[in-house]
N, C-alpha and C. Protein backbone atom coordinates (compact mmCIF):
# COMPACT_ATOMS: atom_id res chain seq x y z
N MET A 1 -3.44 -7.56 -26.38
CA MET A 1 -3.08 -8.58 -25.42
C MET A 1 -1.77 -8.21 -24.72
N PHE A 2 -0.80 -7.71 -25.49
CA PHE A 2 0.48 -7.33 -24.92
C PHE A 2 0.31 -6.20 -23.91
N SER A 3 -0.52 -5.19 -24.23
CA SER A 3 -0.70 -4.07 -23.31
C SER A 3 -1.36 -4.52 -22.02
N ARG A 4 -2.27 -5.52 -22.08
CA ARG A 4 -2.89 -6.04 -20.86
C ARG A 4 -1.85 -6.74 -19.99
N ALA A 5 -0.98 -7.54 -20.59
CA ALA A 5 0.08 -8.21 -19.83
C ALA A 5 1.03 -7.19 -19.23
N LEU A 6 1.34 -6.13 -19.99
CA LEU A 6 2.21 -5.09 -19.49
C LEU A 6 1.58 -4.39 -18.31
N SER A 7 0.27 -4.10 -18.37
CA SER A 7 -0.37 -3.43 -17.25
C SER A 7 -0.40 -4.33 -16.02
N LEU A 8 -0.55 -5.64 -16.21
CA LEU A 8 -0.47 -6.56 -15.07
C LEU A 8 0.90 -6.52 -14.44
N CYS A 9 1.96 -6.47 -15.27
CA CYS A 9 3.32 -6.42 -14.74
C CYS A 9 3.56 -5.13 -13.98
N ILE A 10 2.94 -4.04 -14.43
CA ILE A 10 3.11 -2.77 -13.75
C ILE A 10 2.34 -2.75 -12.43
N THR A 11 1.13 -3.30 -12.42
CA THR A 11 0.33 -3.27 -11.20
C THR A 11 0.68 -4.38 -10.24
N LEU A 12 1.23 -5.47 -10.72
CA LEU A 12 1.62 -6.59 -9.86
C LEU A 12 3.09 -6.91 -10.05
N PRO A 13 4.00 -6.06 -9.53
CA PRO A 13 5.43 -6.25 -9.82
C PRO A 13 6.02 -7.54 -9.29
N LEU A 14 5.37 -8.20 -8.35
CA LEU A 14 5.93 -9.44 -7.83
C LEU A 14 5.46 -10.66 -8.60
N LEU A 15 4.67 -10.46 -9.62
CA LEU A 15 4.20 -11.56 -10.44
C LEU A 15 5.40 -12.21 -11.12
N ALA A 16 5.59 -13.50 -10.90
CA ALA A 16 6.79 -14.19 -11.38
C ALA A 16 6.96 -14.09 -12.89
N ALA A 17 5.87 -14.07 -13.62
CA ALA A 17 5.97 -14.02 -15.08
C ALA A 17 6.57 -12.70 -15.55
N CYS A 18 6.47 -11.66 -14.75
CA CYS A 18 6.97 -10.35 -15.14
C CYS A 18 8.44 -10.16 -14.78
N ALA A 19 8.96 -10.97 -13.90
CA ALA A 19 10.34 -10.83 -13.45
C ALA A 19 11.30 -11.46 -14.46
N GLN A 20 12.42 -10.81 -14.67
CA GLN A 20 13.45 -11.35 -15.54
C GLN A 20 14.24 -12.41 -14.77
N ALA A 21 14.51 -13.51 -15.42
CA ALA A 21 15.25 -14.60 -14.78
C ALA A 21 16.74 -14.27 -14.73
N ILE A 22 17.35 -14.69 -13.64
CA ILE A 22 18.80 -14.63 -13.49
C ILE A 22 19.28 -16.06 -13.32
N GLY A 23 20.36 -16.42 -13.97
CA GLY A 23 20.89 -17.78 -13.85
C GLY A 23 20.63 -18.59 -15.10
N PRO A 24 20.48 -19.91 -14.97
CA PRO A 24 20.38 -20.78 -16.14
C PRO A 24 19.17 -20.50 -17.03
N GLU A 25 18.10 -19.90 -16.49
CA GLU A 25 16.90 -19.62 -17.29
C GLU A 25 16.93 -18.26 -17.96
N ALA A 26 17.96 -17.47 -17.73
CA ALA A 26 18.03 -16.11 -18.28
C ALA A 26 18.13 -16.12 -19.80
N THR A 27 17.55 -15.10 -20.40
CA THR A 27 17.59 -15.00 -21.86
C THR A 27 18.81 -14.23 -22.36
N SER A 28 19.43 -13.43 -21.50
CA SER A 28 20.64 -12.70 -21.92
C SER A 28 21.86 -13.29 -21.22
N GLN A 29 22.99 -13.24 -21.91
CA GLN A 29 24.22 -13.79 -21.35
C GLN A 29 24.62 -13.07 -20.07
N GLY A 30 24.40 -11.76 -20.00
CA GLY A 30 24.77 -10.99 -18.82
C GLY A 30 24.03 -11.45 -17.57
N LEU A 31 22.73 -11.76 -17.71
CA LEU A 31 21.95 -12.23 -16.57
C LEU A 31 22.15 -13.73 -16.31
N ARG A 32 22.64 -14.45 -17.32
CA ARG A 32 22.96 -15.87 -17.12
C ARG A 32 24.19 -15.98 -16.24
N GLY A 33 25.14 -15.07 -16.43
CA GLY A 33 26.34 -15.03 -15.59
C GLY A 33 27.12 -16.32 -15.62
N GLU A 34 27.86 -16.55 -14.57
CA GLU A 34 28.60 -17.80 -14.41
C GLU A 34 27.75 -18.69 -13.51
N THR A 35 27.27 -19.80 -14.05
CA THR A 35 26.38 -20.67 -13.29
C THR A 35 26.93 -22.08 -13.22
N SER A 36 26.84 -22.66 -12.04
CA SER A 36 27.18 -24.07 -11.84
C SER A 36 26.14 -24.66 -10.90
N MET A 37 26.09 -25.97 -10.82
CA MET A 37 25.15 -26.64 -9.93
C MET A 37 25.93 -27.12 -8.70
N THR A 38 25.37 -26.88 -7.51
CA THR A 38 26.05 -27.24 -6.28
C THR A 38 25.04 -27.46 -5.16
N TYR A 39 25.52 -27.95 -4.04
CA TYR A 39 24.69 -28.06 -2.83
C TYR A 39 24.83 -26.75 -2.08
N ILE A 40 23.74 -26.05 -1.88
CA ILE A 40 23.76 -24.74 -1.23
C ILE A 40 23.81 -24.88 0.28
N PHE A 41 23.08 -25.85 0.81
CA PHE A 41 22.95 -26.00 2.25
C PHE A 41 23.66 -27.26 2.74
N LYS A 42 24.14 -27.22 3.97
CA LYS A 42 24.73 -28.39 4.60
C LYS A 42 23.67 -29.48 4.70
N ASP A 43 24.02 -30.70 4.40
CA ASP A 43 23.12 -31.86 4.46
C ASP A 43 21.99 -31.81 3.43
N ASP A 44 22.09 -30.95 2.43
CA ASP A 44 21.07 -30.88 1.38
C ASP A 44 21.29 -32.03 0.40
N THR A 45 20.24 -32.49 -0.23
CA THR A 45 20.35 -33.57 -1.20
C THR A 45 19.97 -33.10 -2.60
N THR A 46 19.68 -31.81 -2.74
CA THR A 46 19.25 -31.27 -4.02
C THR A 46 20.30 -30.31 -4.57
N LEU A 47 20.72 -30.53 -5.80
CA LEU A 47 21.64 -29.60 -6.46
C LEU A 47 20.85 -28.38 -6.89
N LEU A 48 21.39 -27.19 -6.61
CA LEU A 48 20.75 -25.93 -6.98
C LEU A 48 21.75 -25.07 -7.72
N PRO A 49 21.26 -24.11 -8.53
CA PRO A 49 22.19 -23.24 -9.25
C PRO A 49 22.95 -22.31 -8.31
N ARG A 50 24.22 -22.10 -8.63
CA ARG A 50 25.05 -21.09 -8.00
C ARG A 50 25.44 -20.14 -9.12
N THR A 51 24.90 -18.92 -9.06
CA THR A 51 25.06 -17.97 -10.14
C THR A 51 25.78 -16.73 -9.66
N ARG A 52 26.75 -16.27 -10.45
CA ARG A 52 27.48 -15.04 -10.16
C ARG A 52 27.30 -14.09 -11.34
N ILE A 53 26.77 -12.88 -11.05
CA ILE A 53 26.60 -11.88 -12.11
C ILE A 53 27.20 -10.56 -11.66
N SER A 54 27.37 -9.67 -12.62
CA SER A 54 27.83 -8.32 -12.33
C SER A 54 26.61 -7.46 -12.00
N GLY A 55 26.73 -6.62 -10.99
CA GLY A 55 25.65 -5.71 -10.64
C GLY A 55 25.32 -4.76 -11.78
N ALA A 56 26.26 -4.52 -12.69
CA ALA A 56 26.03 -3.64 -13.83
C ALA A 56 24.96 -4.20 -14.77
N GLN A 57 24.66 -5.50 -14.68
CA GLN A 57 23.64 -6.12 -15.53
C GLN A 57 22.22 -5.80 -15.05
N LEU A 58 22.09 -5.34 -13.81
CA LEU A 58 20.77 -5.03 -13.26
C LEU A 58 20.40 -3.58 -13.58
N GLN A 59 19.13 -3.37 -13.87
CA GLN A 59 18.66 -2.04 -14.25
C GLN A 59 17.73 -1.46 -13.19
N GLU A 60 17.78 -0.16 -13.07
CA GLU A 60 16.92 0.55 -12.11
C GLU A 60 15.45 0.28 -12.42
N GLY A 61 14.69 -0.04 -11.37
CA GLY A 61 13.25 -0.23 -11.49
C GLY A 61 12.80 -1.57 -12.05
N LYS A 62 13.71 -2.46 -12.35
CA LYS A 62 13.35 -3.77 -12.92
C LYS A 62 13.16 -4.80 -11.82
N THR A 63 12.44 -5.88 -12.15
CA THR A 63 12.17 -6.98 -11.23
C THR A 63 12.88 -8.22 -11.73
N TYR A 64 13.57 -8.92 -10.82
CA TYR A 64 14.36 -10.09 -11.17
C TYR A 64 14.02 -11.26 -10.25
N ARG A 65 14.28 -12.48 -10.74
CA ARG A 65 14.09 -13.68 -9.92
C ARG A 65 15.24 -14.64 -10.19
N ALA A 66 15.61 -15.39 -9.13
CA ALA A 66 16.68 -16.37 -9.23
C ALA A 66 16.37 -17.51 -8.27
N ARG A 67 17.10 -18.58 -8.43
CA ARG A 67 16.93 -19.76 -7.57
C ARG A 67 18.31 -20.25 -7.15
N GLY A 68 18.46 -20.67 -5.90
CA GLY A 68 19.75 -21.16 -5.42
C GLY A 68 20.57 -20.05 -4.80
N LEU A 69 21.88 -20.10 -5.00
CA LEU A 69 22.78 -19.08 -4.48
C LEU A 69 23.05 -18.05 -5.57
N LEU A 70 22.76 -16.78 -5.28
CA LEU A 70 23.02 -15.71 -6.22
C LEU A 70 24.05 -14.76 -5.62
N VAL A 71 25.15 -14.56 -6.36
CA VAL A 71 26.19 -13.62 -5.95
C VAL A 71 26.19 -12.48 -6.95
N ILE A 72 26.02 -11.25 -6.45
CA ILE A 72 26.04 -10.06 -7.30
C ILE A 72 27.31 -9.31 -6.99
N ASP A 73 28.21 -9.22 -7.98
CA ASP A 73 29.45 -8.47 -7.83
C ASP A 73 29.16 -7.01 -8.16
N GLY A 74 29.10 -6.18 -7.15
CA GLY A 74 28.81 -4.76 -7.36
C GLY A 74 27.51 -4.38 -6.67
N ASP A 75 26.91 -3.31 -7.17
CA ASP A 75 25.74 -2.71 -6.52
C ASP A 75 24.42 -3.18 -7.13
N VAL A 76 23.36 -3.11 -6.32
CA VAL A 76 22.00 -3.33 -6.80
C VAL A 76 21.39 -1.94 -6.99
N PRO A 77 20.83 -1.65 -8.18
CA PRO A 77 20.36 -0.30 -8.48
C PRO A 77 19.08 0.07 -7.72
N PRO A 78 18.76 1.37 -7.70
CA PRO A 78 17.55 1.83 -7.01
C PRO A 78 16.28 1.25 -7.61
N HIS A 79 15.27 1.12 -6.78
CA HIS A 79 13.92 0.70 -7.18
C HIS A 79 13.87 -0.68 -7.83
N ALA A 80 14.88 -1.49 -7.63
CA ALA A 80 14.88 -2.85 -8.18
C ALA A 80 14.20 -3.79 -7.18
N ALA A 81 13.66 -4.88 -7.69
CA ALA A 81 13.08 -5.92 -6.85
C ALA A 81 13.74 -7.23 -7.24
N LEU A 82 14.21 -7.98 -6.27
CA LEU A 82 14.94 -9.21 -6.52
C LEU A 82 14.41 -10.29 -5.59
N THR A 83 13.97 -11.41 -6.17
CA THR A 83 13.47 -12.54 -5.38
C THR A 83 14.35 -13.74 -5.63
N VAL A 84 14.87 -14.35 -4.56
CA VAL A 84 15.68 -15.56 -4.63
C VAL A 84 14.94 -16.64 -3.84
N THR A 85 14.63 -17.75 -4.52
CA THR A 85 13.95 -18.85 -3.83
C THR A 85 14.94 -19.99 -3.59
N GLU A 86 14.69 -20.73 -2.54
CA GLU A 86 15.49 -21.91 -2.19
C GLU A 86 16.97 -21.60 -2.09
N GLY A 87 17.33 -20.46 -1.51
CA GLY A 87 18.75 -20.19 -1.50
C GLY A 87 19.22 -19.05 -0.65
N LYS A 88 20.23 -18.35 -1.19
CA LYS A 88 20.92 -17.28 -0.49
C LYS A 88 21.28 -16.19 -1.49
N LEU A 89 21.51 -14.99 -0.95
CA LEU A 89 21.91 -13.85 -1.76
C LEU A 89 23.13 -13.19 -1.14
N VAL A 90 24.16 -12.95 -1.97
CA VAL A 90 25.35 -12.22 -1.54
C VAL A 90 25.51 -11.04 -2.48
N VAL A 91 25.63 -9.83 -1.92
CA VAL A 91 25.87 -8.63 -2.70
C VAL A 91 27.19 -8.06 -2.23
N THR A 92 28.19 -7.97 -3.13
CA THR A 92 29.52 -7.49 -2.73
C THR A 92 29.58 -5.97 -2.64
N GLY A 93 28.58 -5.28 -3.16
CA GLY A 93 28.54 -3.82 -3.13
C GLY A 93 27.41 -3.32 -2.25
N ASN A 94 26.81 -2.24 -2.70
CA ASN A 94 25.73 -1.60 -1.96
C ASN A 94 24.37 -1.96 -2.54
N VAL A 95 23.34 -1.85 -1.71
CA VAL A 95 21.96 -1.99 -2.17
C VAL A 95 21.36 -0.60 -2.11
N ALA A 96 20.91 -0.10 -3.26
CA ALA A 96 20.44 1.28 -3.37
C ALA A 96 19.07 1.49 -2.72
N ARG A 97 18.64 2.72 -2.71
CA ARG A 97 17.38 3.12 -2.08
C ARG A 97 16.18 2.46 -2.75
N ASN A 98 15.14 2.27 -1.96
CA ASN A 98 13.85 1.75 -2.44
C ASN A 98 13.97 0.41 -3.17
N THR A 99 14.88 -0.41 -2.75
CA THR A 99 15.06 -1.73 -3.35
C THR A 99 14.40 -2.76 -2.45
N ARG A 100 13.85 -3.81 -3.07
CA ARG A 100 13.20 -4.88 -2.29
C ARG A 100 13.91 -6.19 -2.59
N LEU A 101 14.45 -6.82 -1.54
CA LEU A 101 15.12 -8.11 -1.65
C LEU A 101 14.30 -9.14 -0.88
N THR A 102 13.92 -10.22 -1.55
CA THR A 102 13.17 -11.29 -0.91
C THR A 102 13.95 -12.58 -1.10
N VAL A 103 14.32 -13.22 0.00
CA VAL A 103 15.08 -14.47 -0.07
C VAL A 103 14.38 -15.49 0.83
N THR A 104 13.96 -16.60 0.22
CA THR A 104 13.30 -17.64 1.00
C THR A 104 14.15 -18.90 1.01
N GLN A 105 14.16 -19.54 2.16
CA GLN A 105 14.84 -20.81 2.31
C GLN A 105 13.79 -21.86 2.66
N ASP A 106 14.02 -23.09 2.24
CA ASP A 106 13.05 -24.16 2.47
C ASP A 106 12.74 -24.29 3.96
N VAL A 107 11.47 -24.56 4.24
CA VAL A 107 11.04 -24.76 5.62
C VAL A 107 10.34 -26.10 5.75
N GLU A 108 10.30 -26.59 6.98
CA GLU A 108 9.54 -27.79 7.32
C GLU A 108 8.37 -27.33 8.19
N VAL A 109 7.20 -27.85 7.92
CA VAL A 109 6.02 -27.55 8.73
C VAL A 109 5.49 -28.86 9.26
N PHE A 110 5.36 -28.95 10.57
CA PHE A 110 4.80 -30.16 11.15
C PHE A 110 4.02 -29.81 12.41
N GLU A 111 3.17 -30.72 12.83
CA GLU A 111 2.39 -30.52 14.04
C GLU A 111 3.00 -31.32 15.17
N GLU A 112 2.94 -30.74 16.36
CA GLU A 112 3.44 -31.46 17.52
C GLU A 112 2.50 -31.17 18.69
N PHE A 113 2.47 -32.07 19.65
CA PHE A 113 1.63 -31.90 20.83
C PHE A 113 2.51 -31.51 22.00
N ARG A 114 2.06 -30.52 22.76
CA ARG A 114 2.78 -30.08 23.94
C ARG A 114 1.87 -30.22 25.15
N ASP A 115 2.47 -30.57 26.27
CA ASP A 115 1.71 -30.64 27.52
C ASP A 115 1.56 -29.24 28.10
N VAL A 116 0.34 -28.89 28.42
CA VAL A 116 0.07 -27.59 29.03
C VAL A 116 -0.85 -27.83 30.22
N PRO A 117 -0.76 -27.00 31.25
CA PRO A 117 -1.66 -27.19 32.39
C PRO A 117 -3.09 -26.85 31.99
N CYS A 118 -4.01 -27.65 32.44
CA CYS A 118 -5.41 -27.31 32.24
C CYS A 118 -6.12 -27.53 33.57
N HIS A 119 -7.10 -26.77 33.80
CA HIS A 119 -7.74 -26.78 35.11
C HIS A 119 -9.16 -27.32 35.01
N ALA A 120 -9.38 -28.47 35.63
CA ALA A 120 -10.72 -29.04 35.78
C ALA A 120 -11.31 -28.44 37.06
N PRO A 121 -12.60 -28.63 37.33
CA PRO A 121 -13.22 -27.98 38.49
C PRO A 121 -12.51 -28.25 39.82
N LEU A 122 -12.08 -29.46 40.10
CA LEU A 122 -11.50 -29.74 41.41
C LEU A 122 -10.06 -30.23 41.34
N GLU A 123 -9.52 -30.42 40.17
CA GLU A 123 -8.15 -30.94 40.10
C GLU A 123 -7.40 -30.32 38.92
N THR A 124 -6.10 -30.35 39.03
CA THR A 124 -5.26 -29.86 37.94
C THR A 124 -4.76 -31.06 37.16
N THR A 125 -4.97 -31.04 35.87
CA THR A 125 -4.52 -32.13 35.02
C THR A 125 -3.65 -31.56 33.91
N VAL A 126 -3.11 -32.46 33.14
CA VAL A 126 -2.28 -32.05 32.00
C VAL A 126 -3.09 -32.25 30.73
N CYS A 127 -3.15 -31.22 29.93
CA CYS A 127 -3.84 -31.30 28.65
C CYS A 127 -2.79 -31.29 27.54
N HIS A 128 -3.20 -31.76 26.40
CA HIS A 128 -2.32 -31.76 25.23
C HIS A 128 -2.83 -30.71 24.25
N GLU A 129 -1.93 -29.86 23.83
CA GLU A 129 -2.28 -28.80 22.90
C GLU A 129 -1.53 -29.05 21.59
N LYS A 130 -2.25 -29.02 20.48
CA LYS A 130 -1.61 -29.22 19.18
C LYS A 130 -1.12 -27.86 18.66
N VAL A 131 0.16 -27.80 18.27
CA VAL A 131 0.72 -26.57 17.73
C VAL A 131 1.40 -26.88 16.40
N GLU A 132 1.45 -25.89 15.56
CA GLU A 132 2.13 -26.02 14.27
C GLU A 132 3.53 -25.43 14.42
N VAL A 133 4.53 -26.19 14.03
CA VAL A 133 5.91 -25.75 14.15
C VAL A 133 6.45 -25.50 12.74
N VAL A 134 7.04 -24.34 12.55
CA VAL A 134 7.65 -23.99 11.27
C VAL A 134 9.12 -23.70 11.54
N ARG A 135 10.01 -24.37 10.81
CA ARG A 135 11.43 -24.10 10.98
C ARG A 135 12.14 -24.28 9.65
N ARG A 136 13.30 -23.61 9.56
CA ARG A 136 14.08 -23.77 8.34
C ARG A 136 14.52 -25.22 8.21
N LYS A 137 14.48 -25.72 7.01
CA LYS A 137 14.80 -27.12 6.76
C LYS A 137 16.29 -27.40 6.94
N PHE A 138 17.12 -26.51 6.47
CA PHE A 138 18.57 -26.69 6.56
C PHE A 138 19.16 -25.52 7.34
N ILE A 139 19.90 -25.83 8.36
CA ILE A 139 20.54 -24.80 9.16
C ILE A 139 22.04 -24.86 8.90
N ASP A 140 22.59 -23.74 8.50
CA ASP A 140 24.04 -23.65 8.38
C ASP A 140 24.45 -22.27 8.86
N GLY A 141 25.72 -22.02 8.95
CA GLY A 141 26.20 -20.76 9.50
C GLY A 141 26.09 -19.57 8.57
N ASP A 142 25.79 -19.81 7.32
CA ASP A 142 25.73 -18.72 6.36
C ASP A 142 24.41 -17.96 6.45
N PRO A 143 24.45 -16.65 6.28
CA PRO A 143 23.20 -15.89 6.28
C PRO A 143 22.42 -16.11 4.99
N ALA A 144 21.13 -15.86 5.04
CA ALA A 144 20.30 -15.92 3.83
C ALA A 144 20.62 -14.72 2.93
N VAL A 145 20.90 -13.58 3.55
CA VAL A 145 21.24 -12.35 2.81
C VAL A 145 22.52 -11.79 3.41
N ASP A 146 23.53 -11.58 2.55
CA ASP A 146 24.81 -11.01 2.98
C ASP A 146 25.13 -9.82 2.08
N ILE A 147 24.94 -8.62 2.62
CA ILE A 147 25.24 -7.38 1.89
C ILE A 147 26.55 -6.84 2.45
N GLN A 148 27.58 -6.81 1.63
CA GLN A 148 28.90 -6.43 2.13
C GLN A 148 29.11 -4.92 2.12
N GLY A 149 28.23 -4.19 1.46
CA GLY A 149 28.30 -2.72 1.46
C GLY A 149 27.23 -2.14 2.35
N ASP A 150 26.63 -1.05 1.89
CA ASP A 150 25.61 -0.35 2.66
C ASP A 150 24.21 -0.64 2.12
N LEU A 151 23.22 -0.44 2.97
CA LEU A 151 21.82 -0.61 2.60
C LEU A 151 21.21 0.77 2.46
N GLY A 152 20.62 1.06 1.28
CA GLY A 152 20.04 2.37 1.01
C GLY A 152 18.77 2.63 1.80
N THR A 153 18.37 3.89 1.82
CA THR A 153 17.16 4.27 2.54
C THR A 153 15.94 3.62 1.91
N ASP A 154 15.02 3.23 2.75
CA ASP A 154 13.75 2.60 2.35
C ASP A 154 13.94 1.29 1.58
N ALA A 155 15.12 0.70 1.65
CA ALA A 155 15.31 -0.63 1.06
C ALA A 155 14.71 -1.65 2.02
N LYS A 156 14.10 -2.71 1.47
CA LYS A 156 13.44 -3.72 2.29
C LYS A 156 14.05 -5.07 2.04
N ILE A 157 14.24 -5.82 3.12
CA ILE A 157 14.72 -7.19 3.03
C ILE A 157 13.68 -8.08 3.69
N ILE A 158 13.20 -9.06 2.95
CA ILE A 158 12.22 -10.01 3.48
C ILE A 158 12.85 -11.39 3.37
N THR A 159 13.01 -12.06 4.50
CA THR A 159 13.65 -13.37 4.49
C THR A 159 13.25 -14.16 5.73
N ASN A 160 13.39 -15.47 5.66
CA ASN A 160 13.19 -16.30 6.83
C ASN A 160 14.52 -16.78 7.40
N GLY A 161 15.59 -16.14 6.99
CA GLY A 161 16.93 -16.47 7.50
C GLY A 161 17.57 -15.24 8.10
N SER A 162 18.83 -15.35 8.46
CA SER A 162 19.53 -14.21 9.04
C SER A 162 20.05 -13.30 7.93
N VAL A 163 20.35 -12.06 8.33
CA VAL A 163 20.82 -11.03 7.40
C VAL A 163 22.10 -10.43 7.95
N TYR A 164 23.10 -10.29 7.09
CA TYR A 164 24.33 -9.58 7.44
C TYR A 164 24.41 -8.35 6.55
N ILE A 165 24.65 -7.20 7.18
CA ILE A 165 24.88 -5.96 6.43
C ILE A 165 26.18 -5.37 6.97
N SER A 166 27.16 -5.23 6.10
CA SER A 166 28.49 -4.73 6.48
C SER A 166 29.01 -5.47 7.71
N ASP A 167 28.93 -6.80 7.67
CA ASP A 167 29.44 -7.69 8.71
C ASP A 167 28.69 -7.61 10.04
N ARG A 168 27.53 -6.96 10.09
CA ARG A 168 26.69 -6.95 11.30
C ARG A 168 25.51 -7.87 11.06
N ARG A 169 25.21 -8.71 12.03
CA ARG A 169 24.13 -9.70 11.91
C ARG A 169 22.82 -9.13 12.42
N PHE A 170 21.74 -9.38 11.65
CA PHE A 170 20.39 -8.99 12.03
C PHE A 170 19.52 -10.23 11.91
N ASP A 171 18.81 -10.58 12.96
CA ASP A 171 17.91 -11.73 12.93
C ASP A 171 16.47 -11.25 12.89
N HIS A 172 15.66 -12.00 12.20
CA HIS A 172 14.24 -11.68 12.08
C HIS A 172 13.45 -12.76 12.80
N ASP A 173 13.48 -12.72 14.14
CA ASP A 173 12.81 -13.77 14.91
C ASP A 173 11.31 -13.80 14.70
N GLY A 174 10.71 -12.67 14.40
CA GLY A 174 9.26 -12.62 14.26
C GLY A 174 8.75 -13.08 12.91
N PHE A 175 9.62 -13.40 11.99
CA PHE A 175 9.18 -13.78 10.66
C PHE A 175 8.61 -15.19 10.67
N VAL A 176 7.40 -15.33 10.18
CA VAL A 176 6.78 -16.65 10.04
C VAL A 176 6.54 -16.87 8.56
N PRO A 177 7.25 -17.81 7.95
CA PRO A 177 7.08 -18.02 6.52
C PRO A 177 5.67 -18.52 6.20
N THR A 178 5.15 -18.06 5.09
CA THR A 178 3.85 -18.55 4.66
C THR A 178 4.04 -19.77 3.80
N ARG A 179 3.05 -20.61 3.83
CA ARG A 179 3.13 -21.84 3.01
C ARG A 179 2.93 -21.49 1.55
N PRO A 180 3.63 -22.22 0.67
CA PRO A 180 3.47 -21.95 -0.76
C PRO A 180 2.09 -22.33 -1.25
């Protein structure tokens, strides 16, 4: 049974059960770090964990998950995968090669009707078109991902928020978050 679970973790590295927790749910003190509960976003009503850990606690090739605001003091090792839900990620060092960072922020999905021109045989009328609007639930000036050092080759960042790398802002306008 253990070998089957291990093979699932190897073939499906993003499977949440295979990722090591960072923050209050962590099993080791190093990954638990310094954790407090706070409001991450402006106008938020939900307290979320704010966790600070040392980058030395992360291992090459491992998969990690966290919730809320995660601050990593130091570097993220090569081939690591890190997923942060409902929050933000700050890395004070570098992100090594072939690393995958995924940071999601809460979104609102709603339908709205827009007036669009429609053409009947002899007259022009206004038609109503139903569209789905997806937007971040909380907007504040902070980026979803803030890497204060360098980004390694083939490193990937997936987020529905803005990204800062060495104080340069990168926006992902084409990103459409998927529903959970």
